[in-house]
Amino acid sequence: MSEKPDEKTSDTSASDETKRKFREALERKKQNAQNRPGGNLDGDSAIHGTHGAAGGKREFRRKSG
């Protein structure tokens, strides 16, 4: 019966440890993204006008032979 509280604290400490590791990894990722040259930080895409008119009226021709 004395092991139950220990297991509970070890679970929470393991959970806290995991959260701490993920927070540290996220901070490193954010710092790397800021230091990377040529990043698209302004939020504007490099691709403009991806969809447009493909051509004029379609022309169908019969197969000759």
PDB file of N, CA and C in Angstrom:
ATOM      1  N   MET A   1       0.802  -1.192   0.000  1.00  0.00           N
ATOM      2  CA  MET A   1       0.000   0.000   0.000  1.00  0.00           C
ATOM      3  C   MET A   1       0.853   1.268   0.000  1.00  0.00           C
ATOM      4  N   SER A   2       2.051   1.190   0.519  1.00  0.00           N
ATOM      5  CA  SER A   2       2.900   2.374   0.568  1.00  0.00           C
ATOM      6  C   SER A   2       3.454   2.718  -0.812  1.00  0.00           C
ATOM      7  N   GLU A   3       3.429   1.755  -1.762  1.00  0.00           N
ATOM      8  CA  GLU A   3       3.952   2.012  -3.096  1.00  0.00           C
ATOM      9  C   GLU A   3       3.002   2.854  -3.949  1.00  0.00           C
ATOM     10  N   LYS A   4       1.755   2.870  -3.642  1.00  0.00           N
ATOM     11  CA  LYS A   4       0.774   3.618  -4.432  1.00  0.00           C
ATOM     12  C   LYS A   4       1.093   5.113  -4.487  1.00  0.00           C
ATOM     13  N   PRO A   5       1.348   5.783  -3.365  1.00  0.00           N
ATOM     14  CA  PRO A   5       1.686   7.214  -3.464  1.00  0.00           C
ATOM     15  C   PRO A   5       2.990   7.459  -4.207  1.00  0.00           C
ATOM     16  N   ASP A   6       3.971   6.547  -4.068  1.00  0.00           N
ATOM     17  CA  ASP A   6       5.232   6.707  -4.770  1.00  0.00           C
ATOM     18  C   ASP A   6       5.036   6.603  -6.278  1.00  0.00           C
ATOM     19  N   GLU A   7       4.190   5.671  -6.691  1.00  0.00           N
ATOM     20  CA  GLU A   7       3.913   5.533  -8.114  1.00  0.00           C
ATOM     21  C   GLU A   7       3.239   6.791  -8.641  1.00  0.00           C
ATOM     22  N   LYS A   8       2.361   7.351  -7.857  1.00  0.00           N
ATOM     23  CA  LYS A   8       1.640   8.560  -8.267  1.00  0.00           C
ATOM     24  C   LYS A   8       2.618   9.725  -8.444  1.00  0.00           C
ATOM     25  N   THR A   9       3.545   9.890  -7.521  1.00  0.00           N
ATOM     26  CA  THR A   9       4.509  10.979  -7.627  1.00  0.00           C
ATOM     27  C   THR A   9       5.487  10.730  -8.757  1.00  0.00           C
ATOM     28  N   SER A  10       5.859   9.475  -8.974  1.00  0.00           N
ATOM     29  CA  SER A  10       6.784   9.199 -10.073  1.00  0.00           C
ATOM     30  C   SER A  10       6.104   9.435 -11.416  1.00  0.00           C
ATOM     31  N   ASP A  11       4.806   9.162 -11.524  1.00  0.00           N
ATOM     32  CA  ASP A  11       4.073   9.432 -12.755  1.00  0.00           C
ATOM     33  C   ASP A  11       4.008  10.928 -13.037  1.00  0.00           C
ATOM     34  N   THR A  12       3.722  11.705 -12.004  1.00  0.00           N
ATOM     35  CA  THR A  12       3.638  13.152 -12.205  1.00  0.00           C
ATOM     36  C   THR A  12       5.010  13.736 -12.489  1.00  0.00           C
ATOM     37  N   SER A  13       6.046  13.217 -11.840  1.00  0.00           N
ATOM     38  CA  SER A  13       7.381  13.734 -12.104  1.00  0.00           C
ATOM     39  C   SER A  13       7.839  13.341 -13.501  1.00  0.00           C
ATOM     40  N   ALA A  14       7.474  12.157 -13.954  1.00  0.00           N
ATOM     41  CA  ALA A  14       7.811  11.736 -15.315  1.00  0.00           C
ATOM     42  C   ALA A  14       7.055  12.601 -16.315  1.00  0.00           C
ATOM     43  N   SER A  15       5.810  12.911 -16.009  1.00  0.00           N
ATOM     44  CA  SER A  15       5.011  13.763 -16.876  1.00  0.00           C
ATOM     45  C   SER A  15       5.602  15.171 -16.917  1.00  0.00           C
ATOM     46  N   ASP A  16       5.989  15.696 -15.768  1.00  0.00           N
ATOM     47  CA  ASP A  16       6.596  17.023 -15.713  1.00  0.00           C
ATOM     48  C   ASP A  16       7.923  17.044 -16.465  1.00  0.00           C
ATOM     49  N   GLU A  17       8.686  15.973 -16.338  1.00  0.00           N
ATOM     50  CA  GLU A  17       9.967  15.875 -17.039  1.00  0.00           C
ATOM     51  C   GLU A  17       9.754  15.870 -18.551  1.00  0.00           C
ATOM     52  N   THR A  18       8.756  15.125 -18.994  1.00  0.00           N
ATOM     53  CA  THR A  18       8.449  15.072 -20.426  1.00  0.00           C
ATOM     54  C   THR A  18       8.008  16.433 -20.927  1.00  0.00           C
ATOM     55  N   LYS A  19       7.153  17.103 -20.171  1.00  0.00           N
ATOM     56  CA  LYS A  19       6.692  18.442 -20.560  1.00  0.00           C
ATOM     57  C   LYS A  19       7.860  19.414 -20.638  1.00  0.00           C
ATOM     58  N   ARG A  20       8.769  19.322 -19.684  1.00  0.00           N
ATOM     59  CA  ARG A  20       9.929  20.208 -19.668  1.00  0.00           C
ATOM     60  C   ARG A  20      10.796  19.978 -20.903  1.00  0.00           C
ATOM     61  N   LYS A  21      10.995  18.710 -21.256  1.00  0.00           N
ATOM     62  CA  LYS A  21      11.804  18.386 -22.439  1.00  0.00           C
ATOM     63  C   LYS A  21      11.158  18.921 -23.714  1.00  0.00           C
ATOM     64  N   PHE A  22       9.843  18.775 -23.822  1.00  0.00           N
ATOM     65  CA  PHE A  22       9.154  19.278 -25.001  1.00  0.00           C
ATOM     66  C   PHE A  22       9.211  20.801 -25.083  1.00  0.00           C
ATOM     67  N   ARG A  23       9.090  21.467 -23.931  1.00  0.00           N
ATOM     68  CA  ARG A  23       9.193  22.937 -23.926  1.00  0.00           C
ATOM     69  C   ARG A  23      10.584  23.388 -24.371  1.00  0.00           C
ATOM     70  N   GLU A  24      11.612  22.709 -23.877  1.00  0.00           N
ATOM     71  CA  GLU A  24      12.978  23.055 -24.268  1.00  0.00           C
ATOM     72  C   GLU A  24      13.184  22.823 -25.767  1.00  0.00           C
ATOM     73  N   ALA A  25      12.665  21.729 -26.281  1.00  0.00           N
ATOM     74  CA  ALA A  25      12.797  21.445 -27.711  1.00  0.00           C
ATOM     75  C   ALA A  25      12.061  22.492 -28.535  1.00  0.00           C
ATOM     76  N   LEU A  26      10.895  22.932 -28.073  1.00  0.00           N
ATOM     77  CA  LEU A  26      10.142  23.954 -28.785  1.00  0.00           C
ATOM     78  C   LEU A  26      10.888  25.286 -28.786  1.00  0.00           C
ATOM     79  N   GLU A  27      11.503  25.626 -27.681  1.00  0.00           N
ATOM     80  CA  GLU A  27      12.286  26.866 -27.621  1.00  0.00           C
ATOM     81  C   GLU A  27      13.469  26.801 -28.586  1.00  0.00           C
ATOM     82  N   ARG A  28      14.148  25.657 -28.634  1.00  0.00           N
ATOM     83  CA  ARG A  28      15.262  25.506 -29.578  1.00  0.00           C
ATOM     84  C   ARG A  28      14.766  25.634 -31.019  1.00  0.00           C
ATOM     85  N   LYS A  29      13.626  25.049 -31.298  1.00  0.00           N
ATOM     86  CA  LYS A  29      13.065  25.110 -32.644  1.00  0.00           C
ATOM     87  C   LYS A  29      12.730  26.552 -33.022  1.00  0.00           C
ATOM     88  N   LYS A  30      12.153  27.290 -32.088  1.00  0.00           N
ATOM     89  CA  LYS A  30      11.818  28.699 -32.359  1.00  0.00           C
ATOM     90  C   LYS A  30      13.077  29.534 -32.596  1.00  0.00           C
ATOM     91  N   GLN A  31      14.113  29.287 -31.822  1.00  0.00           N
ATOM     92  CA  GLN A  31      15.355  30.031 -32.003  1.00  0.00           C
ATOM     93  C   GLN A  31      16.012  29.693 -33.329  1.00  0.00           C
ATOM     94  N   ASN A  32      15.979  28.432 -33.731  1.00  0.00           N
ATOM     95  CA  ASN A  32      16.547  28.043 -35.018  1.00  0.00           C
ATOM     96  C   ASN A  32      15.780  28.673 -36.166  1.00  0.00           C
ATOM     97  N   ALA A  33      14.477  28.782 -36.041  1.00  0.00           N
ATOM     98  CA  ALA A  33      13.656  29.373 -37.098  1.00  0.00           C
ATOM     99  C   ALA A  33      13.953  30.865 -37.233  1.00  0.00           C
ATOM    100  N   GLN A  34      14.242  31.533 -36.144  1.00  0.00           N
ATOM    101  CA  GLN A  34      14.549  32.962 -36.191  1.00  0.00           C
ATOM    102  C   GLN A  34      15.925  33.205 -36.789  1.00  0.00           C
ATOM    103  N   ASN A  35      16.857  32.309 -36.549  1.00  0.00           N
ATOM    104  CA  ASN A  35      18.224  32.503 -37.011  1.00  0.00           C
ATOM    105  C   ASN A  35      18.442  32.050 -38.450  1.00  0.00           C
ATOM    106  N   ARG A  36      17.474  31.366 -39.029  1.00  0.00           N
ATOM    107  CA  ARG A  36      17.628  30.819 -40.375  1.00  0.00           C
ATOM    108  C   ARG A  36      17.486  31.935 -41.411  1.00  0.00           C
ATOM    109  N   PRO A  37      18.473  32.114 -42.287  1.00  0.00           N
ATOM    110  CA  PRO A  37      18.361  33.152 -43.305  1.00  0.00           C
ATOM    111  C   PRO A  37      17.392  32.727 -44.409  1.00  0.00           C
ATOM    112  N   GLY A  38      16.749  33.719 -45.008  1.00  0.00           N
ATOM    113  CA  GLY A  38      15.851  33.448 -46.118  1.00  0.00           C
ATOM    114  C   GLY A  38      14.534  32.849 -45.690  1.00  0.00           C
ATOM    115  N   GLY A  39      14.233  32.942 -44.439  1.00  0.00           N
ATOM    116  CA  GLY A  39      12.976  32.405 -43.951  1.00  0.00           C
ATOM    117  C   GLY A  39      11.808  33.273 -44.386  1.00  0.00           C
ATOM    118  N   ASN A  40      10.661  32.686 -44.457  1.00  0.00           N
ATOM    119  CA  ASN A  40       9.470  33.410 -44.866  1.00  0.00           C
ATOM    120  C   ASN A  40       8.760  33.898 -43.613  1.00  0.00           C
ATOM    121  N   LEU A  41       9.317  34.903 -42.963  1.00  0.00           N
ATOM    122  CA  LEU A  41       8.794  35.356 -41.692  1.00  0.00           C
ATOM    123  C   LEU A  41       7.696  36.399 -41.829  1.00  0.00           C
ATOM    124  N   ASP A  42       7.573  37.021 -43.007  1.00  0.00           N
ATOM    125  CA  ASP A  42       6.556  38.062 -43.156  1.00  0.00           C
ATOM    126  C   ASP A  42       5.169  37.483 -43.399  1.00  0.00           C
ATOM    127  N   GLY A  43       5.065  36.194 -43.617  1.00  0.00           N
ATOM    128  CA  GLY A  43       3.780  35.557 -43.811  1.00  0.00           C
ATOM    129  C   GLY A  43       3.276  35.635 -45.232  1.00  0.00           C
ATOM    130  N   ASP A  44       4.033  36.235 -46.129  1.00  0.00           N
ATOM    131  CA  ASP A  44       3.624  36.356 -47.519  1.00  0.00           C
ATOM    132  C   ASP A  44       4.207  35.187 -48.302  1.00  0.00           C
ATOM    133  N   SER A  45       3.374  34.531 -49.087  1.00  0.00           N
ATOM    134  CA  SER A  45       3.810  33.372 -49.846  1.00  0.00           C
ATOM    135  C   SER A  45       4.624  33.805 -51.059  1.00  0.00           C
ATOM    136  N   ALA A  46       5.526  32.951 -51.490  1.00  0.00           N
ATOM    137  CA  ALA A  46       6.328  33.225 -52.672  1.00  0.00           C
ATOM    138  C   ALA A  46       5.558  32.916 -53.951  1.00  0.00           C
ATOM    139  N   ILE A  47       4.441  32.224 -53.823  1.00  0.00           N
ATOM    140  CA  ILE A  47       3.650  31.835 -54.986  1.00  0.00           C
ATOM    141  C   ILE A  47       2.415  32.723 -55.048  1.00  0.00           C
ATOM    142  N   HIS A  48       2.245  33.403 -56.154  1.00  0.00           N
ATOM    143  CA  HIS A  48       1.092  34.281 -56.340  1.00  0.00           C
ATOM    144  C   HIS A  48       0.353  33.872 -57.601  1.00  0.00           C
ATOM    145  N   GLY A  49      -0.948  33.898 -57.553  1.00  0.00           N
ATOM    146  CA  GLY A  49      -1.746  33.623 -58.740  1.00  0.00           C
ATOM    147  C   GLY A  49      -1.586  32.223 -59.256  1.00  0.00           C
ATOM    148  N   THR A  50      -1.780  31.236 -58.421  1.00  0.00           N
ATOM    149  CA  THR A  50      -1.577  29.860 -58.854  1.00  0.00           C
ATOM    150  C   THR A  50      -2.660  29.390 -59.811  1.00  0.00           C
ATOM    151  N   HIS A  51      -3.859  29.936 -59.685  1.00  0.00           N
ATOM    152  CA  HIS A  51      -4.960  29.531 -60.557  1.00  0.00           C
ATOM    153  C   HIS A  51      -5.316  30.696 -61.468  1.00  0.00           C
ATOM    154  N   GLY A  52      -5.368  30.405 -62.734  1.00  0.00           N
ATOM    155  CA  GLY A  52      -5.745  31.425 -63.689  1.00  0.00           C
ATOM    156  C   GLY A  52      -6.402  30.778 -64.889  1.00  0.00           C
ATOM    157  N   ALA A  53      -6.718  31.594 -65.876  1.00  0.00           N
ATOM    158  CA  ALA A  53      -7.332  31.064 -67.084  1.00  0.00           C
ATOM    159  C   ALA A  53      -6.323  30.189 -67.820  1.00  0.00           C
ATOM    160  N   ALA A  54      -6.723  28.962 -68.142  1.00  0.00           N
ATOM    161  CA  ALA A  54      -5.815  28.021 -68.788  1.00  0.00           C
ATOM    162  C   ALA A  54      -5.688  28.323 -70.281  1.00  0.00           C
ATOM    163  N   GLY A  55      -6.663  28.915 -70.864  1.00  0.00           N
ATOM    164  CA  GLY A  55      -6.616  29.211 -72.287  1.00  0.00           C
ATOM    165  C   GLY A  55      -7.960  29.740 -72.758  1.00  0.00           C
ATOM    166  N   GLY A  56      -8.110  29.810 -74.057  1.00  0.00           N
ATOM    167  CA  GLY A  56      -9.364  30.289 -74.618  1.00  0.00           C
ATOM    168  C   GLY A  56     -10.390  29.189 -74.701  1.00  0.00           C
ATOM    169  N   LYS A  57     -11.324  29.359 -75.663  1.00  0.00           N
ATOM    170  CA  LYS A  57     -12.363  28.364 -75.856  1.00  0.00           C
ATOM    171  C   LYS A  57     -11.742  27.084 -76.408  1.00  0.00           C
ATOM    172  N   ARG A  58     -12.207  25.953 -75.938  1.00  0.00           N
ATOM    173  CA  ARG A  58     -11.644  24.676 -76.338  1.00  0.00           C
ATOM    174  C   ARG A  58     -12.091  24.313 -77.751  1.00  0.00           C
ATOM    175  N   GLU A  59     -11.174  23.783 -78.498  1.00  0.00           N
ATOM    176  CA  GLU A  59     -11.471  23.429 -79.889  1.00  0.00           C
ATOM    177  C   GLU A  59     -11.336  21.921 -80.057  1.00  0.00           C
ATOM    178  N   PHE A  60     -12.382  21.287 -80.600  1.00  0.00           N
ATOM    179  CA  PHE A  60     -12.367  19.842 -80.820  1.00  0.00           C
ATOM    180  C   PHE A  60     -12.219  19.570 -82.306  1.00  0.00           C
ATOM    181  N   ARG A  61     -11.343  18.670 -82.673  1.00  0.00           N
ATOM    182  CA  ARG A  61     -11.140  18.315 -84.081  1.00  0.00           C
ATOM    183  C   ARG A  61     -11.352  16.816 -84.223  1.00  0.00           C
ATOM    184  N   ARG A  62     -11.892  16.460 -85.378  1.00  0.00           N
ATOM    185  CA  ARG A  62     -12.074  15.041 -85.654  1.00  0.00           C
ATOM    186  C   ARG A  62     -10.763  14.416 -86.058  1.00  0.00           C
ATOM    187  N   LYS A  63     -10.636  13.186 -85.718  1.00  0.00           N
ATOM    188  CA  LYS A  63      -9.446  12.458 -86.100  1.00  0.00           C
ATOM    189  C   LYS A  63      -9.514  12.181 -87.614  1.00  0.00           C
ATOM    190  N   SER A  64      -8.467  12.528 -88.316  1.00  0.00           N
ATOM    191  CA  SER A  64      -8.486  12.369 -89.776  1.00  0.00           C
ATOM    192  C   SER A  64      -7.663  11.155 -90.173  1.00  0.00           C
ATOM    193  N   GLY A  65      -8.242  10.028 -90.122  1.00  0.00           N
ATOM    194  CA  GLY A  65      -7.566   8.836 -90.623  1.00  0.00           C
ATOM    195  C   GLY A  65      -7.246   7.908 -89.592  1.00  0.00           C
TER     196      GLY A  65
END
